[in-house]
Amino acid sequence: MKVTVIGVAGGTGSGKSTLVKRLQEAFVGADVVTLCHDYYYKAHPELSYEERTQLNYDHPQAFDTDMLVEHIKSLKNNEPIEHPVYSFVDHDRTQETVPVKPSKVIVVDGILIFEHKELRELMDIKVFVDTDADIRLARRILRDVRERGRSMESVIAQYTTTVKPMHEQFVEPSKKYADVIIPEGGFNSVAVALLIQHIRSLVEE
């Protein structure tokens, strides 16, 4: 089975997740699976909750990217995997895993997936979602307050101390590796329709 790996990168709040959701909706029941880099945050059971809240979650070293690379290789070799589950409330990996079966198309999304050379080289199509910083910050605040139980003050503090500097150091420079740049991500209906059309052609090959 020929497997196509599609990477979707971009800054926090750029519209990556919305784009991936549009792809998932378009291919319900089809040979498409999604792996999110966020699943692969490193476990830190040795740290207290307070210590875990102080970690820099926007640095490449926060992720177990080597595990993600191995999982993609396994799927490409027609071998099922069990991806980890991460709790953003507890800031730690849970005991659960989620089974994933091999599929024709693997969509990988995350802010730093183009930064890692070996991971990047596994991708056949690299999509970068490009969105203005003020819009990304507003979306990040809404998401973290509503879904992750954070205070607005803590979200803004994290953004200014780690998210923004890491975006400028690692995420934005990785845009040069993209094959396609989509402004506004999943909110760009024309670009999403073209991407879905291309993926459908790959699935039907």
N, C-alpha and C. Protein backbone atom coordinates (compact mmCIF):
# COMPACT_ATOMS: atom_id res chain seq x y z
N MET A 1 0.83 -1.20 0.00
CA MET A 1 0.00 0.00 0.00
C MET A 1 0.88 1.26 0.00
N LYS A 2 0.64 2.13 -0.97
CA LYS A 2 1.37 3.40 -1.02
C LYS A 2 0.78 4.34 0.03
N VAL A 3 1.65 4.87 0.88
CA VAL A 3 1.21 5.76 1.96
C VAL A 3 1.72 7.17 1.69
N THR A 4 0.83 8.15 1.81
CA THR A 4 1.20 9.56 1.65
C THR A 4 1.10 10.25 3.00
N VAL A 5 2.18 10.94 3.39
CA VAL A 5 2.20 11.66 4.67
C VAL A 5 2.11 13.15 4.40
N ILE A 6 1.12 13.79 5.02
CA ILE A 6 0.90 15.23 4.84
C ILE A 6 1.15 15.93 6.16
N GLY A 7 2.06 16.88 6.18
CA GLY A 7 2.36 17.65 7.38
C GLY A 7 1.63 18.99 7.35
N VAL A 8 1.01 19.34 8.47
CA VAL A 8 0.33 20.64 8.59
C VAL A 8 0.96 21.37 9.78
N ALA A 9 1.73 22.42 9.48
CA ALA A 9 2.42 23.18 10.52
C ALA A 9 1.94 24.63 10.53
N GLY A 10 2.41 25.39 11.52
CA GLY A 10 2.02 26.79 11.66
C GLY A 10 2.00 27.15 13.13
N GLY A 11 1.91 28.43 13.42
CA GLY A 11 1.95 28.90 14.79
C GLY A 11 0.70 28.53 15.58
N THR A 12 0.78 28.69 16.90
CA THR A 12 -0.36 28.45 17.77
C THR A 12 -1.54 29.33 17.36
N GLY A 13 -2.73 28.73 17.28
CA GLY A 13 -3.92 29.50 16.92
C GLY A 13 -4.01 29.91 15.47
N SER A 14 -3.19 29.31 14.62
CA SER A 14 -3.14 29.73 13.21
C SER A 14 -4.31 29.18 12.39
N GLY A 15 -4.93 28.10 12.86
CA GLY A 15 -5.99 27.45 12.10
C GLY A 15 -5.62 26.05 11.65
N LYS A 16 -4.51 25.52 12.20
CA LYS A 16 -4.07 24.16 11.87
C LYS A 16 -5.13 23.13 12.22
N SER A 17 -5.59 23.20 13.47
CA SER A 17 -6.55 22.21 13.94
C SER A 17 -7.85 22.27 13.15
N THR A 18 -8.26 23.48 12.78
CA THR A 18 -9.47 23.64 11.98
C THR A 18 -9.28 23.03 10.60
N LEU A 19 -8.10 23.22 10.03
CA LEU A 19 -7.79 22.62 8.73
C LEU A 19 -7.83 21.09 8.83
N VAL A 20 -7.21 20.55 9.86
CA VAL A 20 -7.20 19.09 10.05
C VAL A 20 -8.62 18.57 10.25
N LYS A 21 -9.42 19.32 11.00
CA LYS A 21 -10.81 18.92 11.23
C LYS A 21 -11.59 18.88 9.91
N ARG A 22 -11.35 19.84 9.03
CA ARG A 22 -12.01 19.84 7.72
C ARG A 22 -11.61 18.60 6.92
N LEU A 23 -10.34 18.22 7.02
CA LEU A 23 -9.87 17.02 6.32
C LEU A 23 -10.52 15.77 6.90
N GLN A 24 -10.61 15.73 8.23
CA GLN A 24 -11.24 14.57 8.88
C GLN A 24 -12.71 14.44 8.47
N GLU A 25 -13.40 15.58 8.39
CA GLU A 25 -14.81 15.58 8.01
C GLU A 25 -14.99 15.13 6.56
N ALA A 26 -14.02 15.48 5.72
CA ALA A 26 -14.11 15.14 4.30
C ALA A 26 -13.85 13.66 4.05
N PHE A 27 -13.13 13.02 4.96
CA PHE A 27 -12.72 11.63 4.72
C PHE A 27 -13.17 10.68 5.83
N VAL A 28 -14.35 10.92 6.37
CA VAL A 28 -14.90 10.01 7.39
C VAL A 28 -15.04 8.60 6.79
N GLY A 29 -14.41 7.64 7.45
CA GLY A 29 -14.49 6.27 6.97
C GLY A 29 -13.51 5.94 5.86
N ALA A 30 -12.79 6.96 5.39
CA ALA A 30 -11.82 6.73 4.31
C ALA A 30 -10.45 6.40 4.92
N ASP A 31 -9.50 6.14 4.04
CA ASP A 31 -8.17 5.74 4.49
C ASP A 31 -7.31 6.95 4.86
N VAL A 32 -7.75 7.70 5.86
CA VAL A 32 -6.99 8.86 6.34
C VAL A 32 -6.96 8.84 7.86
N VAL A 33 -5.75 8.93 8.44
CA VAL A 33 -5.62 9.03 9.90
C VAL A 33 -4.83 10.29 10.25
N THR A 34 -5.02 10.77 11.47
CA THR A 34 -4.35 11.99 11.92
C THR A 34 -3.50 11.71 13.15
N LEU A 35 -2.28 12.21 13.13
CA LEU A 35 -1.40 12.16 14.30
C LEU A 35 -1.02 13.59 14.65
N CYS A 36 -1.32 13.98 15.88
CA CYS A 36 -0.99 15.33 16.33
C CYS A 36 0.30 15.30 17.15
N HIS A 37 1.19 16.23 16.85
CA HIS A 37 2.46 16.30 17.59
C HIS A 37 2.19 16.49 19.08
N ASP A 38 1.08 17.15 19.43
CA ASP A 38 0.74 17.38 20.84
C ASP A 38 0.54 16.09 21.62
N TYR A 39 0.18 15.00 20.92
CA TYR A 39 0.04 13.70 21.61
C TYR A 39 1.38 13.27 22.22
N TYR A 40 2.46 13.77 21.64
CA TYR A 40 3.79 13.26 21.93
C TYR A 40 4.60 14.16 22.86
N TYR A 41 3.91 15.04 23.63
CA TYR A 41 4.62 15.75 24.68
C TYR A 41 5.23 14.73 25.63
N LYS A 42 6.43 15.02 26.10
CA LYS A 42 7.12 14.10 26.99
C LYS A 42 6.39 13.99 28.33
N ALA A 43 6.43 12.79 28.91
CA ALA A 43 5.86 12.56 30.24
C ALA A 43 6.84 13.09 31.30
N HIS A 44 6.27 13.69 32.36
CA HIS A 44 7.12 14.18 33.46
C HIS A 44 6.52 13.81 34.82
N PRO A 45 6.39 12.50 35.08
CA PRO A 45 5.83 12.08 36.37
C PRO A 45 6.73 12.42 37.55
N GLU A 46 8.00 12.70 37.26
CA GLU A 46 8.95 13.01 38.34
C GLU A 46 8.79 14.44 38.85
N LEU A 47 8.02 15.26 38.13
CA LEU A 47 7.84 16.66 38.52
C LEU A 47 6.49 16.87 39.17
N SER A 48 6.42 17.86 40.05
CA SER A 48 5.13 18.24 40.65
C SER A 48 4.31 19.01 39.61
N TYR A 49 3.01 19.15 39.89
CA TYR A 49 2.15 19.91 38.97
C TYR A 49 2.69 21.32 38.78
N GLU A 50 3.10 21.97 39.87
CA GLU A 50 3.62 23.33 39.78
C GLU A 50 4.87 23.39 38.91
N GLU A 51 5.73 22.38 39.05
CA GLU A 51 6.95 22.35 38.23
C GLU A 51 6.61 22.13 36.76
N ARG A 52 5.61 21.29 36.51
CA ARG A 52 5.22 21.02 35.11
C ARG A 52 4.64 22.26 34.45
N THR A 53 3.95 23.09 35.22
CA THR A 53 3.36 24.31 34.64
C THR A 53 4.44 25.30 34.20
N GLN A 54 5.64 25.14 34.74
CA GLN A 54 6.72 26.09 34.42
C GLN A 54 7.57 25.65 33.22
N LEU A 55 7.30 24.46 32.68
CA LEU A 55 8.09 23.97 31.55
C LEU A 55 7.79 24.76 30.27
N ASN A 56 8.75 24.78 29.37
CA ASN A 56 8.57 25.45 28.08
C ASN A 56 8.01 24.44 27.08
N TYR A 57 6.70 24.53 26.84
CA TYR A 57 6.02 23.56 25.97
C TYR A 57 6.08 23.93 24.49
N ASP A 58 6.79 24.99 24.17
CA ASP A 58 6.89 25.43 22.78
C ASP A 58 8.30 25.24 22.22
N HIS A 59 9.13 24.52 22.95
CA HIS A 59 10.49 24.21 22.51
C HIS A 59 10.51 22.80 21.93
N PRO A 60 11.30 22.55 20.89
CA PRO A 60 11.37 21.21 20.29
C PRO A 60 11.65 20.10 21.30
N GLN A 61 12.41 20.39 22.35
CA GLN A 61 12.77 19.35 23.32
C GLN A 61 11.61 18.95 24.23
N ALA A 62 10.48 19.68 24.14
CA ALA A 62 9.31 19.32 24.94
C ALA A 62 8.61 18.08 24.40
N PHE A 63 8.94 17.71 23.15
CA PHE A 63 8.24 16.61 22.47
C PHE A 63 9.13 15.38 22.35
N ASP A 64 8.49 14.21 22.39
CA ASP A 64 9.17 12.96 22.07
C ASP A 64 8.97 12.72 20.57
N THR A 65 9.66 13.52 19.78
CA THR A 65 9.48 13.46 18.32
C THR A 65 10.03 12.17 17.74
N ASP A 66 11.02 11.61 18.40
CA ASP A 66 11.57 10.34 17.91
C ASP A 66 10.50 9.24 17.93
N MET A 67 9.63 9.26 18.94
CA MET A 67 8.55 8.29 18.99
C MET A 67 7.57 8.51 17.83
N LEU A 68 7.27 9.77 17.55
CA LEU A 68 6.37 10.08 16.43
C LEU A 68 6.98 9.60 15.11
N VAL A 69 8.27 9.81 14.93
CA VAL A 69 8.95 9.34 13.72
C VAL A 69 8.83 7.83 13.58
N GLU A 70 9.07 7.11 14.68
CA GLU A 70 8.98 5.65 14.65
C GLU A 70 7.56 5.19 14.36
N HIS A 71 6.57 5.90 14.90
CA HIS A 71 5.18 5.53 14.66
C HIS A 71 4.79 5.72 13.20
N ILE A 72 5.26 6.81 12.60
CA ILE A 72 4.95 7.04 11.18
C ILE A 72 5.62 5.97 10.32
N LYS A 73 6.85 5.63 10.66
CA LYS A 73 7.56 4.57 9.92
C LYS A 73 6.81 3.24 10.03
N SER A 74 6.30 2.95 11.22
CA SER A 74 5.55 1.71 11.42
C SER A 74 4.29 1.70 10.56
N LEU A 75 3.55 2.80 10.57
CA LEU A 75 2.33 2.88 9.77
C LEU A 75 2.63 2.75 8.27
N LYS A 76 3.75 3.33 7.86
CA LYS A 76 4.13 3.22 6.44
C LYS A 76 4.51 1.79 6.09
N ASN A 77 4.93 1.03 7.10
CA ASN A 77 5.26 -0.39 6.91
C ASN A 77 4.07 -1.30 7.15
N ASN A 78 2.89 -0.69 7.21
CA ASN A 78 1.63 -1.43 7.39
C ASN A 78 1.53 -2.09 8.77
N GLU A 79 2.13 -1.45 9.77
CA GLU A 79 2.08 -1.96 11.14
C GLU A 79 1.26 -0.99 12.00
N PRO A 80 0.29 -1.47 12.78
CA PRO A 80 -0.49 -0.58 13.65
C PRO A 80 0.35 -0.02 14.79
N ILE A 81 -0.10 1.09 15.36
CA ILE A 81 0.61 1.72 16.47
C ILE A 81 -0.37 2.04 17.59
N GLU A 82 0.17 2.47 18.73
CA GLU A 82 -0.64 2.98 19.85
C GLU A 82 -0.03 4.33 20.23
N HIS A 83 -0.72 5.43 19.88
CA HIS A 83 -0.13 6.72 20.21
C HIS A 83 -0.48 7.14 21.64
N PRO A 84 0.41 7.90 22.29
CA PRO A 84 0.15 8.33 23.67
C PRO A 84 -0.96 9.37 23.74
N VAL A 85 -1.45 9.62 24.94
CA VAL A 85 -2.48 10.63 25.19
C VAL A 85 -1.93 11.62 26.21
N TYR A 86 -2.08 12.91 25.93
CA TYR A 86 -1.54 13.94 26.81
C TYR A 86 -2.67 14.77 27.40
N SER A 87 -2.57 15.07 28.70
CA SER A 87 -3.58 15.90 29.38
C SER A 87 -3.04 17.32 29.53
N PHE A 88 -3.71 18.28 28.90
CA PHE A 88 -3.31 19.67 29.02
C PHE A 88 -3.77 20.27 30.35
N VAL A 89 -4.67 19.59 31.02
CA VAL A 89 -5.13 20.04 32.34
C VAL A 89 -4.08 19.69 33.40
N ASP A 90 -3.56 18.45 33.31
CA ASP A 90 -2.56 17.98 34.28
C ASP A 90 -1.13 18.25 33.83
N HIS A 91 -0.96 18.69 32.58
CA HIS A 91 0.39 18.91 32.02
C HIS A 91 1.24 17.65 32.11
N ASP A 92 0.64 16.52 31.76
CA ASP A 92 1.39 15.27 31.79
C ASP A 92 0.73 14.24 30.89
N ARG A 93 1.50 13.24 30.50
CA ARG A 93 0.97 12.15 29.70
C ARG A 93 0.11 11.24 30.58
N THR A 94 -0.98 10.75 30.03
CA THR A 94 -1.86 9.85 30.78
C THR A 94 -1.40 8.41 30.58
N GLN A 95 -2.09 7.47 31.24
CA GLN A 95 -1.76 6.05 31.10
C GLN A 95 -2.40 5.44 29.85
N GLU A 96 -3.27 6.20 29.21
CA GLU A 96 -3.99 5.68 28.04
C GLU A 96 -3.13 5.72 26.78
N THR A 97 -3.51 4.88 25.82
CA THR A 97 -2.98 4.97 24.46
C THR A 97 -4.15 4.78 23.50
N VAL A 98 -3.96 5.22 22.26
CA VAL A 98 -5.02 5.11 21.26
C VAL A 98 -4.50 4.30 20.07
N PRO A 99 -5.19 3.20 19.73
CA PRO A 99 -4.73 2.39 18.59
C PRO A 99 -4.98 3.10 17.26
N VAL A 100 -4.03 2.98 16.35
CA VAL A 100 -4.14 3.58 15.01
C VAL A 100 -3.76 2.52 13.98
N LYS A 101 -4.64 2.29 13.03
CA LYS A 101 -4.38 1.31 11.98
C LYS A 101 -3.71 1.97 10.78
N PRO A 102 -2.90 1.24 10.02
CA PRO A 102 -2.27 1.78 8.82
C PRO A 102 -3.33 2.31 7.83
N SER A 103 -3.01 3.41 7.16
CA SER A 103 -3.93 4.02 6.20
C SER A 103 -3.16 4.58 5.02
N LYS A 104 -3.88 4.87 3.96
CA LYS A 104 -3.25 5.40 2.75
C LYS A 104 -2.69 6.81 2.96
N VAL A 105 -3.38 7.59 3.79
CA VAL A 105 -2.95 8.97 4.03
C VAL A 105 -2.81 9.21 5.53
N ILE A 106 -1.67 9.75 5.93
CA ILE A 106 -1.42 10.11 7.32
C ILE A 106 -1.25 11.62 7.38
N VAL A 107 -2.10 12.29 8.17
CA VAL A 107 -1.98 13.73 8.36
C VAL A 107 -1.30 13.97 9.71
N VAL A 108 -0.19 14.70 9.69
CA VAL A 108 0.55 15.02 10.92
C VAL A 108 0.46 16.52 11.14
N ASP A 109 0.02 16.95 12.34
CA ASP A 109 -0.04 18.40 12.56
C ASP A 109 0.66 18.80 13.85
N GLY A 110 1.16 20.03 13.86
CA GLY A 110 1.87 20.54 15.04
C GLY A 110 2.66 21.78 14.69
N ILE A 111 2.99 22.56 15.71
CA ILE A 111 3.69 23.82 15.45
C ILE A 111 5.13 23.59 14.99
N LEU A 112 5.74 22.47 15.42
CA LEU A 112 7.18 22.29 15.21
C LEU A 112 7.53 21.10 14.33
N ILE A 113 6.57 20.58 13.59
CA ILE A 113 6.84 19.35 12.84
C ILE A 113 7.80 19.55 11.67
N PHE A 114 7.96 20.79 11.17
CA PHE A 114 8.92 21.02 10.08
C PHE A 114 10.32 21.31 10.63
N GLU A 115 10.42 21.52 11.94
CA GLU A 115 11.71 21.86 12.55
C GLU A 115 12.60 20.63 12.66
N HIS A 116 11.99 19.44 12.74
CA HIS A 116 12.72 18.18 12.94
C HIS A 116 13.01 17.55 11.58
N LYS A 117 14.28 17.44 11.24
CA LYS A 117 14.69 17.02 9.89
C LYS A 117 14.17 15.63 9.53
N GLU A 118 14.35 14.65 10.40
CA GLU A 118 13.94 13.28 10.07
C GLU A 118 12.42 13.19 9.91
N LEU A 119 11.68 13.88 10.77
CA LEU A 119 10.22 13.90 10.66
C LEU A 119 9.80 14.58 9.36
N ARG A 120 10.42 15.70 9.07
CA ARG A 120 10.11 16.47 7.86
C ARG A 120 10.33 15.63 6.60
N GLU A 121 11.38 14.83 6.60
CA GLU A 121 11.72 14.05 5.41
C GLU A 121 10.77 12.87 5.19
N LEU A 122 9.95 12.54 6.19
CA LEU A 122 8.95 11.49 6.01
C LEU A 122 7.70 12.02 5.30
N MET A 123 7.59 13.35 5.16
CA MET A 123 6.38 13.96 4.60
C MET A 123 6.47 14.11 3.09
N ASP A 124 5.36 13.78 2.44
CA ASP A 124 5.27 13.94 0.99
C ASP A 124 4.73 15.31 0.61
N ILE A 125 3.86 15.88 1.47
CA ILE A 125 3.30 17.21 1.25
C ILE A 125 3.41 17.98 2.56
N LYS A 126 3.98 19.19 2.50
CA LYS A 126 4.14 20.00 3.70
C LYS A 126 3.34 21.30 3.54
N VAL A 127 2.36 21.47 4.43
CA VAL A 127 1.47 22.63 4.39
C VAL A 127 1.75 23.51 5.60
N PHE A 128 1.99 24.80 5.36
CA PHE A 128 2.19 25.75 6.47
C PHE A 128 1.01 26.70 6.52
N VAL A 129 0.41 26.81 7.70
CA VAL A 129 -0.74 27.69 7.90
C VAL A 129 -0.22 29.03 8.42
N ASP A 130 -0.46 30.09 7.68
CA ASP A 130 0.10 31.41 7.98
C ASP A 130 -1.01 32.37 8.40
N THR A 131 -0.95 32.85 9.65
CA THR A 131 -2.00 33.72 10.19
C THR A 131 -1.36 34.81 11.04
N ASP A 132 -1.92 36.02 11.00
CA ASP A 132 -1.38 37.15 11.75
C ASP A 132 -1.28 36.84 13.25
N ALA A 133 -0.24 37.37 13.89
CA ALA A 133 0.03 37.07 15.29
C ALA A 133 -1.10 37.51 16.23
N ASP A 134 -1.73 38.66 15.95
CA ASP A 134 -2.78 39.12 16.86
C ASP A 134 -4.00 38.18 16.82
N ILE A 135 -4.30 37.65 15.64
CA ILE A 135 -5.41 36.70 15.52
C ILE A 135 -5.06 35.40 16.24
N ARG A 136 -3.82 34.95 16.08
CA ARG A 136 -3.39 33.71 16.73
C ARG A 136 -3.45 33.83 18.25
N LEU A 137 -3.03 34.99 18.78
CA LEU A 137 -3.07 35.20 20.23
C LEU A 137 -4.51 35.18 20.74
N ALA A 138 -5.42 35.86 20.03
CA ALA A 138 -6.82 35.90 20.45
C ALA A 138 -7.41 34.49 20.48
N ARG A 139 -7.11 33.68 19.46
CA ARG A 139 -7.62 32.32 19.41
C ARG A 139 -7.03 31.47 20.54
N ARG A 140 -5.74 31.69 20.83
CA ARG A 140 -5.07 30.93 21.89
C ARG A 140 -5.72 31.23 23.24
N ILE A 141 -6.01 32.49 23.49
CA ILE A 141 -6.64 32.87 24.76
C ILE A 141 -8.00 32.19 24.90
N LEU A 142 -8.81 32.29 23.85
CA LEU A 142 -10.14 31.67 23.89
C LEU A 142 -10.06 30.17 24.12
N ARG A 143 -9.16 29.51 23.41
CA ARG A 143 -9.04 28.05 23.53
C ARG A 143 -8.58 27.65 24.93
N ASP A 144 -7.50 28.27 25.42
CA ASP A 144 -6.93 27.84 26.70
C ASP A 144 -7.83 28.16 27.88
N VAL A 145 -8.57 29.25 27.80
CA VAL A 145 -9.49 29.60 28.88
C VAL A 145 -10.70 28.67 28.87
N ARG A 146 -11.26 28.45 27.67
CA ARG A 146 -12.47 27.63 27.56
C ARG A 146 -12.21 26.14 27.74
N GLU A 147 -11.15 25.63 27.10
CA GLU A 147 -10.95 24.18 27.01
C GLU A 147 -9.94 23.63 28.01
N ARG A 148 -9.03 24.48 28.49
CA ARG A 148 -7.93 23.96 29.31
C ARG A 148 -7.91 24.54 30.72
N GLY A 149 -8.98 25.27 31.07
CA GLY A 149 -9.12 25.75 32.43
C GLY A 149 -8.09 26.77 32.87
N ARG A 150 -7.53 27.51 31.92
CA ARG A 150 -6.49 28.48 32.23
C ARG A 150 -7.08 29.86 32.47
N SER A 151 -6.36 30.70 33.21
CA SER A 151 -6.76 32.10 33.37
C SER A 151 -6.19 32.90 32.21
N MET A 152 -6.85 34.01 31.89
CA MET A 152 -6.36 34.85 30.79
C MET A 152 -4.95 35.37 31.09
N GLU A 153 -4.72 35.71 32.36
CA GLU A 153 -3.40 36.23 32.75
C GLU A 153 -2.31 35.21 32.49
N SER A 154 -2.58 33.93 32.83
CA SER A 154 -1.56 32.89 32.66
C SER A 154 -1.29 32.62 31.18
N VAL A 155 -2.33 32.69 30.35
CA VAL A 155 -2.18 32.46 28.91
C VAL A 155 -1.31 33.56 28.29
N ILE A 156 -1.60 34.81 28.66
CA ILE A 156 -0.83 35.94 28.11
C ILE A 156 0.62 35.89 28.60
N ALA A 157 0.80 35.53 29.87
CA ALA A 157 2.16 35.43 30.42
C ALA A 157 2.96 34.36 29.68
N GLN A 158 2.33 33.20 29.44
CA GLN A 158 3.00 32.12 28.72
C GLN A 158 3.31 32.54 27.29
N TYR A 159 2.37 33.25 26.67
CA TYR A 159 2.57 33.68 25.28
C TYR A 159 3.78 34.60 25.17
N THR A 160 3.89 35.55 26.07
CA THR A 160 4.98 36.52 25.96
C THR A 160 6.33 35.94 26.36
N THR A 161 6.34 34.98 27.30
CA THR A 161 7.62 34.45 27.78
C THR A 161 8.15 33.28 26.97
N THR A 162 7.26 32.42 26.45
CA THR A 162 7.76 31.25 25.70
C THR A 162 7.15 31.11 24.31
N VAL A 163 5.83 31.28 24.17
CA VAL A 163 5.18 31.01 22.88
C VAL A 163 5.72 31.91 21.78
N LYS A 164 5.71 33.21 22.01
CA LYS A 164 6.15 34.16 20.98
C LYS A 164 7.65 34.00 20.66
N PRO A 165 8.54 33.93 21.67
CA PRO A 165 9.96 33.73 21.36
C PRO A 165 10.24 32.43 20.61
N MET A 166 9.56 31.35 21.01
CA MET A 166 9.78 30.06 20.34
C MET A 166 9.22 30.07 18.92
N HIS A 167 8.12 30.80 18.73
CA HIS A 167 7.57 30.93 17.37
C HIS A 167 8.59 31.61 16.47
N GLU A 168 9.17 32.68 16.97
CA GLU A 168 10.14 33.44 16.17
C GLU A 168 11.43 32.66 15.94
N GLN A 169 11.81 31.82 16.93
CA GLN A 169 13.07 31.07 16.81
C GLN A 169 12.93 29.80 15.98
N PHE A 170 11.78 29.10 16.12
CA PHE A 170 11.66 27.77 15.51
C PHE A 170 10.54 27.64 14.48
N VAL A 171 9.35 28.18 14.78
CA VAL A 171 8.19 27.93 13.92
C VAL A 171 8.27 28.73 12.62
N GLU A 172 8.41 30.04 12.75
CA GLU A 172 8.43 30.90 11.56
C GLU A 172 9.55 30.51 10.58
N PRO A 173 10.79 30.24 11.06
CA PRO A 173 11.84 29.83 10.13
C PRO A 173 11.54 28.53 9.39
N SER A 174 10.71 27.65 10.00
CA SER A 174 10.41 26.36 9.36
C SER A 174 9.46 26.51 8.18
N LYS A 175 8.89 27.68 8.01
CA LYS A 175 7.97 27.93 6.89
C LYS A 175 8.67 27.72 5.55
N LYS A 176 9.99 27.91 5.53
CA LYS A 176 10.74 27.77 4.27
C LYS A 176 10.68 26.34 3.72
N TYR A 177 10.34 25.37 4.56
CA TYR A 177 10.27 23.97 4.11
C TYR A 177 8.92 23.61 3.50
N ALA A 178 7.95 24.51 3.59
CA ALA A 178 6.59 24.19 3.14
C ALA A 178 6.50 24.09 1.62
N ASP A 179 5.68 23.16 1.16
CA ASP A 179 5.34 23.08 -0.27
C ASP A 179 4.19 24.02 -0.59
N VAL A 180 3.29 24.20 0.38
CA VAL A 180 2.11 25.02 0.21
C VAL A 180 1.92 25.88 1.46
N ILE A 181 1.63 27.16 1.28
CA ILE A 181 1.32 28.05 2.40
C ILE A 181 -0.15 28.46 2.29
N ILE A 182 -0.92 28.20 3.35
CA ILE A 182 -2.35 28.51 3.34
C ILE A 182 -2.64 29.60 4.37
N PRO A 183 -2.97 30.81 3.93
CA PRO A 183 -3.37 31.85 4.88
C PRO A 183 -4.66 31.46 5.59
N GLU A 184 -4.68 31.58 6.91
CA GLU A 184 -5.88 31.34 7.72
C GLU A 184 -6.26 29.86 7.87
N GLY A 185 -5.49 28.97 7.30
CA GLY A 185 -5.70 27.54 7.53
C GLY A 185 -7.09 27.05 7.17
N GLY A 186 -7.75 26.40 8.13
CA GLY A 186 -9.05 25.80 7.90
C GLY A 186 -10.15 26.79 7.59
N PHE A 187 -9.88 28.08 7.79
CA PHE A 187 -10.87 29.11 7.49
C PHE A 187 -10.76 29.58 6.03
N ASN A 188 -9.76 29.06 5.30
CA ASN A 188 -9.56 29.40 3.89
C ASN A 188 -10.23 28.30 3.05
N SER A 189 -11.50 28.52 2.73
CA SER A 189 -12.30 27.46 2.11
C SER A 189 -11.80 27.06 0.73
N VAL A 190 -11.26 28.00 -0.03
CA VAL A 190 -10.76 27.68 -1.37
C VAL A 190 -9.55 26.75 -1.27
N ALA A 191 -8.60 27.11 -0.41
CA ALA A 191 -7.39 26.29 -0.25
C ALA A 191 -7.73 24.91 0.33
N VAL A 192 -8.66 24.87 1.27
CA VAL A 192 -9.05 23.59 1.87
C VAL A 192 -9.68 22.68 0.81
N ALA A 193 -10.53 23.25 -0.03
CA ALA A 193 -11.18 22.46 -1.08
C ALA A 193 -10.15 21.87 -2.05
N LEU A 194 -9.14 22.65 -2.39
CA LEU A 194 -8.09 22.17 -3.29
C LEU A 194 -7.27 21.06 -2.64
N LEU A 195 -6.98 21.23 -1.35
CA LEU A 195 -6.21 20.21 -0.63
C LEU A 195 -7.01 18.91 -0.52
N ILE A 196 -8.29 19.02 -0.21
CA ILE A 196 -9.16 17.84 -0.13
C ILE A 196 -9.22 17.11 -1.47
N GLN A 197 -9.33 17.88 -2.53
CA GLN A 197 -9.38 17.29 -3.88
C GLN A 197 -8.10 16.51 -4.17
N HIS A 198 -6.96 17.08 -3.77
CA HIS A 198 -5.68 16.41 -4.01
C HIS A 198 -5.57 15.13 -3.19
N ILE A 199 -5.97 15.20 -1.91
CA ILE A 199 -5.90 14.02 -1.05
C ILE A 199 -6.83 12.93 -1.56
N ARG A 200 -8.01 13.34 -2.02
CA ARG A 200 -8.98 12.34 -2.55
C ARG A 200 -8.37 11.60 -3.72
N SER A 201 -7.63 12.29 -4.57
CA SER A 201 -7.00 11.63 -5.70
C SER A 201 -5.96 10.62 -5.24
N LEU A 202 -5.28 10.93 -4.12
CA LEU A 202 -4.29 10.00 -3.57
C LEU A 202 -4.97 8.76 -2.98
N VAL A 203 -6.08 8.97 -2.28
CA VAL A 203 -6.81 7.87 -1.66
C VAL A 203 -7.38 6.93 -2.69
N GLU A 204 -7.80 7.50 -3.80
CA GLU A 204 -8.47 6.69 -4.84
C GLU A 204 -7.51 6.03 -5.81
N GLU A 205 -6.21 6.31 -5.65
CA GLU A 205 -5.22 5.70 -6.56
C GLU A 205 -5.21 4.18 -6.40
